[in-house]
Protein backbone atom coordinates (compact mmCIF):
# COMPACT_ATOMS: atom_id res chain seq x y z
CA UNK A 1 59.74 173.78 75.48
CA UNK A 2 60.71 171.35 72.80
CA UNK A 3 60.72 172.98 69.37
CA UNK A 4 57.88 171.60 67.16
CA UNK A 5 59.12 170.23 63.82
CA UNK A 6 57.13 172.95 62.03
CA UNK A 7 58.93 175.50 63.98
CA UNK A 8 62.30 173.87 63.08
CA UNK A 9 61.34 173.72 59.43
CA UNK A 10 60.52 177.39 59.42
CA UNK A 11 63.84 178.10 61.11
CA UNK A 12 65.73 175.88 58.74
CA UNK A 13 64.24 176.73 55.36
CA UNK A 14 65.70 179.37 53.21
CA UNK A 15 64.20 181.01 50.11
CA UNK A 16 66.16 183.10 47.70
CA UNK A 17 63.61 184.57 45.33
CA UNK A 18 66.04 186.37 43.09
CA UNK A 19 67.68 182.89 42.33
CA UNK A 20 64.33 180.93 42.32
CA UNK A 21 66.10 178.73 44.84
CA UNK A 22 65.04 177.25 48.11
CA UNK A 23 67.17 175.34 50.59
CA UNK A 24 65.92 173.15 53.33
CA UNK A 25 68.24 171.84 56.05
CA UNK A 26 65.55 170.97 58.60
CA UNK A 27 66.24 167.30 58.14
CA UNK A 28 69.76 167.72 59.31
CA UNK A 29 70.59 167.41 63.03
CA UNK A 30 71.92 170.79 63.98
CA UNK A 31 72.56 171.98 67.63
CA UNK A 32 71.14 175.36 68.59
CA UNK A 33 74.56 176.94 68.83
CA UNK A 34 76.12 175.37 65.73
CA UNK A 35 76.06 178.49 63.53
CA UNK A 36 77.29 180.69 66.32
CA UNK A 37 80.19 178.34 67.06
CA UNK A 38 81.20 178.27 63.44
CA UNK A 39 80.81 182.10 62.96
CA UNK A 40 84.48 182.96 63.75
CA UNK A 41 85.76 180.30 61.21
CA UNK A 42 83.27 181.52 58.65
CA UNK A 43 84.34 185.09 59.06
CA UNK A 44 87.95 184.09 58.12
CA UNK A 45 86.76 182.05 55.22
CA UNK A 46 84.86 185.03 53.75
CA UNK A 47 88.00 186.97 53.81
CA UNK A 48 89.88 184.30 52.12
CA UNK A 49 87.16 184.01 49.40
CA UNK A 50 87.46 187.70 48.82
CA UNK A 51 91.24 187.45 48.43
CA UNK A 52 90.82 184.45 45.99
CA UNK A 53 88.42 186.49 43.72
CA UNK A 54 90.71 189.41 43.82
CA UNK A 55 93.58 187.24 42.28
CA UNK A 56 95.50 186.01 45.29
CA UNK A 57 97.41 182.72 44.92
CA UNK A 58 94.70 180.12 45.97
CA UNK A 59 96.50 177.07 44.74
CA UNK A 60 99.88 177.32 46.53
CA UNK A 61 101.00 173.86 45.35
CA UNK A 62 101.07 175.05 41.75
CA UNK A 63 101.34 178.83 42.37
CA UNK A 64 98.26 179.51 40.61
CA UNK A 65 95.38 181.91 40.84
CA UNK A 66 91.78 180.60 40.73
CA UNK A 67 89.58 182.65 38.41
CA UNK A 68 86.52 180.65 37.30
CA UNK A 69 84.38 183.34 38.99
CA UNK A 70 85.81 185.95 36.50
CA UNK A 71 84.33 183.93 33.52
CA UNK A 72 80.84 185.19 34.25
CA UNK A 73 81.85 188.56 35.51
CA UNK A 74 84.94 189.87 33.87
CA UNK A 75 84.81 193.05 35.80
CA UNK A 76 86.06 191.06 38.76
CA UNK A 77 89.27 190.06 37.11
CA UNK A 78 92.44 191.40 38.83
CA UNK A 79 93.64 193.16 35.60
CA UNK A 80 92.24 194.55 32.43
CA UNK A 81 94.09 192.07 30.21
CA UNK A 82 92.31 189.15 31.73
CA UNK A 83 88.94 190.96 31.69
CA UNK A 84 89.44 191.80 28.02
CA UNK A 85 90.43 188.24 27.21
CA UNK A 86 87.31 186.89 28.69
CA UNK A 87 84.92 189.35 27.05
CA UNK A 88 86.64 188.91 23.62
CA UNK A 89 86.35 185.08 23.98
CA UNK A 90 82.63 185.23 24.61
CA UNK A 91 82.07 187.50 21.69
CA UNK A 92 84.25 185.25 19.53
CA UNK A 93 82.27 182.24 20.52
CA UNK A 94 79.02 184.00 19.51
CA UNK A 95 80.45 185.13 16.25
CA UNK A 96 81.72 181.67 15.45
CA UNK A 97 78.36 180.20 16.47
CA UNK A 98 76.46 182.57 14.09
CA UNK A 99 78.89 181.78 11.24
CA UNK A 100 78.38 178.04 11.60
CA UNK A 101 74.56 178.36 11.95
CA UNK A 102 74.28 180.70 9.00
CA UNK A 103 76.45 178.62 6.82
CA UNK A 104 79.13 181.24 6.44
CA UNK A 105 81.51 178.61 7.67
CA UNK A 106 80.64 175.42 5.76
CA UNK A 107 81.84 171.73 5.71
CA UNK A 108 84.31 171.13 2.81
CA UNK A 109 81.61 169.43 0.79
CA UNK A 110 79.13 172.20 1.21
CA UNK A 111 75.90 172.31 3.05
CA UNK A 112 75.92 173.25 6.66
CA UNK A 113 77.14 171.67 9.89
CA UNK A 114 74.45 169.60 11.58
CA UNK A 115 76.35 167.77 14.33
CA UNK A 116 79.03 168.45 16.87
CA UNK A 117 81.44 165.72 18.08
CA UNK A 118 83.18 166.99 21.37
CA UNK A 119 86.26 165.05 22.29
CA UNK A 120 87.57 165.61 25.99
CA UNK A 121 87.83 163.80 29.17
CA UNK A 122 87.00 164.72 32.80
CA UNK A 123 86.36 168.35 33.25
CA UNK A 124 86.68 169.01 29.50
CA UNK A 125 83.72 166.84 28.97
CA UNK A 126 81.60 166.26 32.05
CA UNK A 127 80.36 169.88 32.40
CA UNK A 128 79.34 170.25 28.71
CA UNK A 129 77.70 166.79 28.78
CA UNK A 130 75.67 167.62 31.95
CA UNK A 131 74.47 170.94 30.63
CA UNK A 132 73.78 169.63 27.14
CA UNK A 133 71.57 166.85 28.48
CA UNK A 134 69.81 169.10 30.98
CA UNK A 135 68.87 171.74 28.38
CA UNK A 136 68.66 169.87 25.10
CA UNK A 137 65.43 169.77 23.13
CA UNK A 138 64.19 168.52 19.83
CA UNK A 139 64.51 172.06 18.52
CA UNK A 140 68.36 172.30 19.02
CA UNK A 141 70.10 173.80 16.09
CA UNK A 142 72.82 171.11 16.22
CA UNK A 143 73.09 167.63 17.90
CA UNK A 144 75.99 167.23 20.31
CA UNK A 145 77.86 164.02 20.69
CA UNK A 146 80.72 163.12 23.16
CA UNK A 147 83.79 160.99 23.07
CA UNK A 148 85.15 161.03 26.65
CA UNK A 149 87.18 157.87 26.86
CA UNK A 150 89.77 155.85 25.07
CA UNK A 151 87.49 152.78 24.79
CA UNK A 152 87.40 151.60 21.08
CA UNK A 153 84.00 150.12 21.17
CA UNK A 154 82.57 153.29 22.85
CA UNK A 155 84.07 155.33 20.02
CA UNK A 156 82.65 152.98 17.46
CA UNK A 157 79.14 153.47 18.83
CA UNK A 158 79.47 157.18 18.37
CA UNK A 159 81.05 157.07 14.91
CA UNK A 160 78.37 154.55 13.81
CA UNK A 161 75.75 157.11 14.62
CA UNK A 162 77.68 160.01 12.94
CA UNK A 163 78.87 158.11 9.84
CA UNK A 164 75.86 159.02 7.55
CA UNK A 165 76.53 162.73 8.40
CA UNK A 166 80.22 162.78 9.18
CA UNK A 167 80.78 165.27 6.30
CA UNK A 168 78.52 167.68 8.22
CA UNK A 169 79.90 167.07 11.66
CA UNK A 170 82.07 169.68 13.39
CA UNK A 171 84.69 168.21 15.76
CA UNK A 172 85.74 170.08 18.93
CA UNK A 173 88.90 168.77 20.61
CA UNK A 174 89.50 169.96 24.26
CA UNK A 175 92.56 169.54 26.16
CA UNK A 176 94.23 172.17 28.53
CA UNK A 177 97.75 170.79 28.18
CA UNK A 178 97.17 169.40 24.71
CA UNK A 179 98.78 166.14 25.88
CA UNK A 180 95.91 164.13 27.54
CA UNK A 181 96.10 160.66 26.34
CA UNK A 182 92.27 159.96 26.12
CA UNK A 183 91.66 163.20 24.19
CA UNK A 184 94.65 162.63 21.89
CA UNK A 185 93.50 159.09 21.09
CA UNK A 186 89.90 160.27 20.41
CA UNK A 187 91.31 162.95 17.99
CA UNK A 188 93.40 160.50 16.22
CA UNK A 189 90.49 158.04 15.97
CA UNK A 190 88.29 160.90 14.56
CA UNK A 191 90.98 161.81 12.04
CA UNK A 192 91.04 158.26 10.86
CA UNK A 193 87.29 158.21 10.41
CA UNK A 194 87.32 161.36 8.41
CA UNK A 195 90.27 160.13 6.25
CA UNK A 196 88.32 156.89 5.49
CA UNK A 197 85.51 159.06 4.24
CA UNK A 198 87.99 161.12 2.06
CA UNK A 199 87.41 164.17 4.32
CA UNK A 200 89.97 166.66 5.43
CA UNK A 201 89.74 166.57 9.20
CA UNK A 202 91.15 170.16 9.46
CA UNK A 203 88.22 171.62 7.66
CA UNK A 204 85.91 170.13 10.32
CA UNK A 205 88.04 170.73 13.46
CA UNK A 206 88.07 173.26 16.32
CA UNK A 207 90.53 173.17 19.21
CA UNK A 208 90.09 174.48 22.72
CA UNK A 209 93.39 174.56 24.60
CA UNK A 210 96.13 176.70 26.21
CA UNK A 211 98.06 178.76 23.78
CA UNK A 212 101.29 177.08 22.92
CA UNK A 213 100.22 173.58 23.82
CA UNK A 214 100.71 170.57 21.57
CA UNK A 215 97.05 170.67 20.59
CA UNK A 216 97.32 174.43 19.85
CA UNK A 217 100.39 173.75 17.74
CA UNK A 218 98.73 170.95 15.89
CA UNK A 219 95.56 173.10 15.17
CA UNK A 220 97.70 176.00 13.87
CA UNK A 221 100.04 174.04 11.72
CA UNK A 222 97.10 172.04 10.21
CA UNK A 223 95.06 175.20 9.77
CA UNK A 224 91.98 174.02 11.72
CA UNK A 225 88.85 176.15 11.64
CA UNK A 226 89.33 177.88 15.02
CA UNK A 227 91.26 177.65 18.23
CA UNK A 228 89.63 178.97 21.52
CA UNK A 229 91.77 179.52 24.63
CA UNK A 230 91.99 177.83 27.95
CA UNK A 231 93.64 179.71 30.72
CA UNK A 232 96.02 178.67 33.47
CA UNK A 233 93.77 180.04 36.19
CA UNK A 234 90.76 177.88 35.26
CA UNK A 235 90.83 174.23 36.37
CA UNK A 236 89.20 171.48 34.33
CA UNK A 237 86.39 170.75 36.75
CA UNK A 238 85.42 174.42 36.96
CA UNK A 239 85.77 175.19 33.21
CA UNK A 240 82.27 174.53 31.94
CA UNK A 241 81.53 178.27 31.74
CA UNK A 242 84.69 178.93 29.69
CA UNK A 243 85.07 178.06 25.95
CA UNK A 244 85.19 174.34 27.22
CA UNK A 245 81.38 174.37 27.60
CA UNK A 246 80.32 177.48 25.94
CA UNK A 247 81.36 176.66 22.34
CA UNK A 248 79.61 173.34 22.08
CA UNK A 249 76.58 174.56 24.06
CA UNK A 250 76.21 177.70 22.01
CA UNK A 251 76.42 175.76 18.83
CA UNK A 252 73.75 173.37 20.22
CA UNK A 253 71.56 176.44 20.54
CA UNK A 254 71.63 176.95 24.38
CA UNK A 255 71.38 180.56 25.66
CA UNK A 256 74.87 180.97 26.97
CA UNK A 257 74.07 184.58 28.18
CA UNK A 258 71.34 183.18 30.48
CA UNK A 259 73.69 180.38 31.61
CA UNK A 260 76.40 182.91 32.68
CA UNK A 261 73.71 185.22 34.23
CA UNK A 262 72.49 182.42 36.55
CA UNK A 263 76.14 181.81 37.59
CA UNK A 264 76.91 185.44 38.02
CA UNK A 265 73.88 186.20 40.21
CA UNK A 266 74.53 183.12 42.39
CA UNK A 267 78.13 184.20 42.67
CA UNK A 268 77.01 187.51 44.01
CA UNK A 269 74.61 185.80 46.52
CA UNK A 270 77.24 183.41 47.72
CA UNK A 271 79.86 186.19 48.05
CA UNK A 272 77.77 187.50 50.97
CA UNK A 273 79.08 187.31 54.53
CA UNK A 274 75.90 186.76 56.23
CA UNK A 275 75.72 182.95 56.42
CA UNK A 276 71.86 182.67 56.56
CA UNK A 277 71.71 184.63 53.28
CA UNK A 278 74.42 182.59 51.65
CA UNK A 279 73.14 179.24 50.38
CA UNK A 280 76.62 177.95 49.46
CA UNK A 281 77.84 178.59 53.01
CA UNK A 282 74.80 176.74 54.38
CA UNK A 283 75.49 173.81 52.05
CA UNK A 284 79.17 173.63 53.00
CA UNK A 285 78.38 173.91 56.67
CA UNK A 286 75.90 170.99 56.38
CA UNK A 287 78.71 168.94 54.80
CA UNK A 288 80.98 169.89 57.50
CA UNK A 289 78.40 169.05 60.18
CA UNK A 290 77.58 165.65 58.61
CA UNK A 291 81.24 164.70 58.28
CA UNK A 292 82.31 166.34 61.62
CA UNK A 293 85.02 167.96 59.52
CA UNK A 294 86.73 164.68 58.93
CA UNK A 295 85.54 163.71 55.49
CA UNK A 296 84.96 160.09 54.55
CA UNK A 297 81.20 160.16 54.32
CA UNK A 298 79.24 159.50 51.22
CA UNK A 299 77.19 162.30 49.58
CA UNK A 300 74.12 160.73 47.92
CA UNK A 301 72.76 163.06 45.14
CA UNK A 302 69.19 162.47 44.25
CA UNK A 303 67.86 164.82 41.54
CA UNK A 304 64.12 164.17 40.93
CA UNK A 305 64.25 165.10 37.24
CA UNK A 306 65.46 163.07 34.38
CA UNK A 307 67.13 166.12 32.79
CA UNK A 308 69.48 166.25 35.81
CA UNK A 309 70.59 162.57 35.71
CA UNK A 310 74.13 163.65 34.76
CA UNK A 311 74.28 166.18 37.60
CA UNK A 312 75.64 163.40 40.09
CA UNK A 313 78.29 162.36 37.63
CA UNK A 314 79.39 166.10 37.15
CA UNK A 315 79.46 166.60 40.83
CA UNK A 316 81.59 163.41 41.46
CA UNK A 317 84.45 165.18 39.69
CA UNK A 318 83.95 168.70 41.10
CA UNK A 319 83.59 167.47 44.67
CA UNK A 320 85.89 164.33 44.76
CA UNK A 321 88.74 165.77 42.82
CA UNK A 322 88.53 169.00 44.83
CA UNK A 323 88.18 167.51 48.22
CA UNK A 324 89.82 164.08 48.16
CA UNK A 325 93.26 165.02 49.52
CA UNK A 326 95.78 163.05 51.54
CA UNK A 327 97.29 166.16 53.15
CA UNK A 328 96.13 169.45 54.32
CA UNK A 329 97.59 172.89 53.59
CA UNK A 330 100.14 172.36 56.37
CA UNK A 331 101.28 168.98 55.04
CA UNK A 332 99.59 166.95 57.70
CA UNK A 333 97.99 163.52 56.76
CA UNK A 334 94.18 164.00 56.90
CA UNK A 335 92.69 161.78 54.07
CA UNK A 336 89.85 164.23 53.43
CA UNK A 337 87.11 163.66 50.93
CA UNK A 338 83.40 163.17 50.15
CA UNK A 339 82.44 160.22 47.97
CA UNK A 340 79.50 161.17 45.73
CA UNK A 341 77.08 158.86 44.06
CA UNK A 342 73.53 159.08 42.80
CA UNK A 343 71.01 158.22 40.17
CA UNK A 344 67.71 160.04 39.88
CA UNK A 345 64.19 159.98 41.55
CA UNK A 346 62.22 157.95 41.64
CA UNK A 347 64.45 155.26 40.11
CA UNK A 348 66.58 155.43 43.33
CA UNK A 349 63.47 154.35 45.33
CA UNK A 350 63.58 150.93 43.37
CA UNK A 351 67.42 150.48 43.71
CA UNK A 352 69.63 151.55 46.46
CA UNK A 353 67.32 153.34 48.81
CA UNK A 354 66.90 149.99 50.63
CA UNK A 355 70.38 150.23 51.68
CA UNK A 356 70.18 153.92 52.65
CA UNK A 357 67.23 153.06 54.90
CA UNK A 358 68.59 149.88 56.54
CA UNK A 359 72.37 149.71 55.69
CA UNK A 360 75.27 151.54 57.24
CA UNK A 361 74.56 155.18 58.25
CA UNK A 362 77.63 156.43 56.43
CA UNK A 363 76.03 159.03 54.23
CA UNK A 364 73.77 162.05 53.80
CA UNK A 365 71.43 162.73 50.98
CA UNK A 366 70.91 165.84 48.86
CA UNK A 367 67.49 165.91 47.11
CA UNK A 368 67.12 168.23 44.05
CA UNK A 369 63.43 169.10 43.48
CA UNK A 370 62.21 170.82 40.37
CA UNK A 371 58.77 172.32 40.77
CA UNK A 372 57.81 172.63 37.05
CA UNK A 373 56.73 169.17 35.77
CA UNK A 374 56.55 169.89 32.02
CA UNK A 375 55.62 172.68 29.63
CA UNK A 376 52.12 171.49 28.67
CA UNK A 377 49.23 170.31 30.92
CA UNK A 378 49.53 166.88 32.43
CA UNK A 379 46.67 164.33 32.25
CA UNK A 380 45.13 163.30 35.62
CA UNK A 381 46.01 159.68 36.18
CA UNK A 382 45.11 157.58 39.21
CA UNK A 383 44.17 159.03 42.53
CA UNK A 384 43.33 162.36 41.01
CA UNK A 385 47.11 162.87 40.44
CA UNK A 386 49.46 163.65 37.58
CA UNK A 387 52.70 161.86 36.94
CA UNK A 388 54.48 164.95 38.31
CA UNK A 389 52.42 164.76 41.49
CA UNK A 390 53.54 161.22 41.94
CA UNK A 391 57.26 162.19 41.40
CA UNK A 392 57.17 164.89 44.09
CA UNK A 393 55.21 162.46 46.36
CA UNK A 394 58.11 159.96 45.76
CA UNK A 395 60.66 162.56 46.81
CA UNK A 396 58.67 163.45 49.95
CA UNK A 397 58.01 159.81 50.77
CA UNK A 398 61.73 158.87 50.44
CA UNK A 399 62.77 161.82 52.46
CA UNK A 400 60.28 161.06 55.26
CA UNK A 401 61.38 157.41 55.36
CA UNK A 402 65.00 158.51 55.74
CA UNK A 403 64.13 160.83 58.57
CA UNK A 404 62.16 158.02 60.39
CA UNK A 405 65.35 155.99 60.16
CA UNK A 406 67.44 158.94 61.54
CA UNK A 407 69.18 159.53 58.24
CA UNK A 408 70.06 163.13 57.33
CA UNK A 409 69.12 164.99 54.15
CA UNK A 410 69.26 168.33 52.48
CA UNK A 411 66.66 169.55 49.92
CA UNK A 412 67.53 171.98 47.13
CA UNK A 413 64.40 173.22 45.19
CA UNK A 414 64.48 175.11 41.84
CA UNK A 415 61.49 176.35 39.83
CA UNK A 416 62.44 174.89 36.47
CA UNK A 417 65.43 173.57 34.51
CA UNK A 418 66.54 176.54 32.47
CA UNK A 419 69.96 177.94 31.36
CA UNK A 420 69.69 180.41 34.23
CA UNK A 421 68.87 177.70 36.87
CA UNK A 422 71.62 175.42 35.60
CA UNK A 423 74.25 178.19 35.68
CA UNK A 424 73.01 178.90 39.29
CA UNK A 425 73.47 175.33 40.21
CA UNK A 426 76.92 175.20 38.77
CA UNK A 427 77.99 178.29 40.78
CA UNK A 428 76.29 177.13 43.91
CA UNK A 429 78.21 173.86 44.15
CA UNK A 430 81.47 175.45 42.93
CA UNK A 431 81.27 177.89 45.81
CA UNK A 432 80.24 175.21 48.44
CA UNK A 433 83.23 173.22 47.48
CA UNK A 434 85.55 176.23 47.98
CA UNK A 435 84.05 176.99 51.35
CA UNK A 436 84.21 173.35 52.57
CA UNK A 437 87.72 173.00 51.32
CA UNK A 438 88.64 176.08 53.70
CA UNK A 439 86.74 174.61 56.38
CA UNK A 440 88.75 171.38 56.40
CA UNK A 441 92.04 173.29 55.30
CA UNK A 442 92.76 171.41 52.00
CA UNK A 443 93.73 172.75 48.55
CA UNK A 444 90.62 172.43 46.29
CA UNK A 445 92.36 173.37 43.23
CA UNK A 446 95.03 170.74 42.47
CA UNK A 447 94.95 166.94 41.92
CA UNK A 448 98.36 165.40 42.43
CA UNK A 449 97.19 161.86 42.75
CA UNK A 450 95.70 162.05 39.14
CA UNK A 451 99.28 162.43 37.86
CA UNK A 452 100.16 159.28 39.56
CA UNK A 453 97.66 157.39 37.50
CA UNK A 454 98.96 159.04 34.34
CA UNK A 455 102.57 158.10 35.17
CA UNK A 456 101.58 154.46 35.79
CA UNK A 457 99.55 154.32 32.52
CA UNK A 458 102.68 155.49 30.74
CA UNK A 459 104.84 152.88 32.33
CA UNK A 460 102.40 150.18 31.40
CA UNK A 461 102.44 151.36 27.67
CA UNK A 462 106.25 151.35 27.79
CA UNK A 463 106.45 147.83 29.13
CA UNK A 464 103.90 146.58 26.62
CA UNK A 465 106.07 147.96 23.80
CA UNK A 466 109.08 146.27 25.30
CA UNK A 467 107.29 142.89 25.41
CA UNK A 468 106.11 143.34 21.82
CA UNK A 469 109.57 144.28 20.62
CA UNK A 470 111.02 141.23 22.18
CA UNK A 471 108.45 138.89 20.74
CA UNK A 472 108.86 140.37 17.31
CA UNK A 473 112.66 140.09 17.58
CA UNK A 474 112.16 136.32 18.42
CA UNK A 475 109.38 135.40 15.99
CA UNK A 476 107.72 131.93 16.41
CA UNK A 477 109.49 131.45 19.80
CA UNK A 478 107.09 130.82 22.57
CA UNK A 479 107.56 132.39 26.13
CA UNK A 480 105.71 132.09 29.38
CA UNK A 481 105.14 135.23 31.44
CA UNK A 482 107.98 134.30 33.82
CA UNK A 483 110.39 133.62 30.88
CA UNK A 484 109.56 137.11 29.53
CA UNK A 485 110.25 138.67 32.81
CA UNK A 486 113.51 136.94 33.00
CA UNK A 487 114.56 137.69 29.34
CA UNK A 488 113.54 141.43 29.75
CA UNK A 489 115.22 141.64 33.15
CA UNK A 490 112.31 143.51 34.66
CA UNK A 491 111.68 141.84 38.06
CA UNK A 492 108.38 142.13 39.95
CA UNK A 493 106.39 142.81 36.71
CA UNK A 494 104.86 139.39 36.36
CA UNK A 495 101.31 140.49 36.99
CA UNK A 496 101.49 143.47 34.76
CA UNK A 497 103.02 141.57 31.86
CA UNK A 498 100.37 138.77 32.34
CA UNK A 499 97.56 141.31 32.09
CA UNK A 500 99.19 142.89 29.14
CA UNK A 501 99.61 139.63 27.24
CA UNK A 502 96.04 138.57 28.01
CA UNK A 503 94.78 141.65 26.36
CA UNK A 504 97.20 141.64 23.45
CA UNK A 505 96.24 138.04 22.44
CA UNK A 506 92.52 138.87 22.67
CA UNK A 507 92.95 141.51 19.95
CA UNK A 508 94.32 141.13 16.39
CA UNK A 509 96.05 144.55 16.26
CA UNK A 510 99.52 143.35 17.35
CA UNK A 511 99.45 139.75 16.01
CA UNK A 512 100.26 138.12 19.46
CA UNK A 513 99.39 134.43 19.45
CA UNK A 514 98.84 132.05 22.28
CA UNK A 515 99.78 128.37 22.87
CA UNK A 516 97.43 127.32 25.62
CA UNK A 517 98.29 124.93 28.57
CA UNK A 518 96.18 123.31 31.24
CA UNK A 519 97.51 125.94 33.75
CA UNK A 520 96.80 129.43 32.50
CA UNK A 521 100.12 130.63 33.97
CA UNK A 522 102.02 128.10 31.80
CA UNK A 523 100.44 129.56 28.66
CA UNK A 524 103.03 130.68 26.04
CA UNK A 525 102.94 133.80 23.86
CA UNK A 526 104.51 134.42 20.52
CA UNK A 527 104.42 136.42 17.29
CA UNK A 528 104.57 134.57 14.00
């Protein structure tokens, strides 16, 4: 007898009451024996996860342990020194927060700190941004701002907002190595702004970095207000529940204990070896089924809640940086990865759902449903429905339309957006990424290709400085791109030098001038 859809739904719907979490995989195409076929592999993975949490080397390329699970349960740490460091750090964050909020630590001109400017990039910023946006209210004790790029105009927008209250703004600079270019530039831009206002940056500054790093040394020598640690065993994309996220979020007024509790309880649940009782295992297995273990598919995240609009952006780094790998653990070329994109419901219904329904079937969707619409009662609008009723109907309608077109989807349902539920979601996806990485045999905890981009960035800056030095040494002499390549004896750099010069002459900072010609490639550049 063919299984009815209702029966399939009941067999593929999982409720975890202690997490206030529900997971629906009934809109995925799963064979009857899929889970039994995967059981032997999952048994091995559970053993590997256990070793990872106990402190085994889980990142062999860099010979590192992976311990973000210890951040919310220090008792799991493999030695007392790590456990004590975690506990002391959380306590120090709470004490520092109380001192700032009470005015015991004050800005140099008196009063109290009202704003926080967090400067970081990637994992040092995406996590805190997501959580801050998800949990922020008009009753927050401090307002959190972010600089997460080296875009001058973007920084100007933030500084323009902060300028009237820069003297009451606390600046948190986050970089694990202390040498990240974007973060260093943001810090130096901030220092300049404080200097212009005759303010001592060090009396407004906090560092979060590894002990001994360049940033740590700077913060110590300049006597910044505080320095909080980052540890070798916590990667940037899994660092939001370390000082990276907790300092700014605690200062904002978010209940970090509840945030950690949600992650801790989800860790316990997803540590289980019975797959049906482990929501992260089910998620990872659905990713594996959708991609046939080969990667390359797109994961479309559709959170139906404005507060979760940055969740997709946060997951882009967590998932794509963890799983996008050229080689597996045996060194074989595999080109694994899951491309993540998403907006929010029901905005998505009026943008790219058209392509999801009628374009290439190269994706699967994950809906995030939040049951609680708002704190107060909602007015009844048209059709005897509230705006929240329409939001849920939009989710159900989009999902139904996808199913009618044979497109697969997963639905995650939470009761409300709270510190506990956000901590739970962070843990859920961190664990799912770990499990999927083991399923496809890649190292989820390193990112070698990112270093390639950093190296090429440095080379571009070096070449730009060579061009500038040559033009300044030959003032008022005009050179084409090709002439500069010949003079500098740097073959095969024509395109790069052309791009550098077009940018240089578009900005007054380096005084590069242009003599235009009919053909743009005959243009000549010079410094007066």
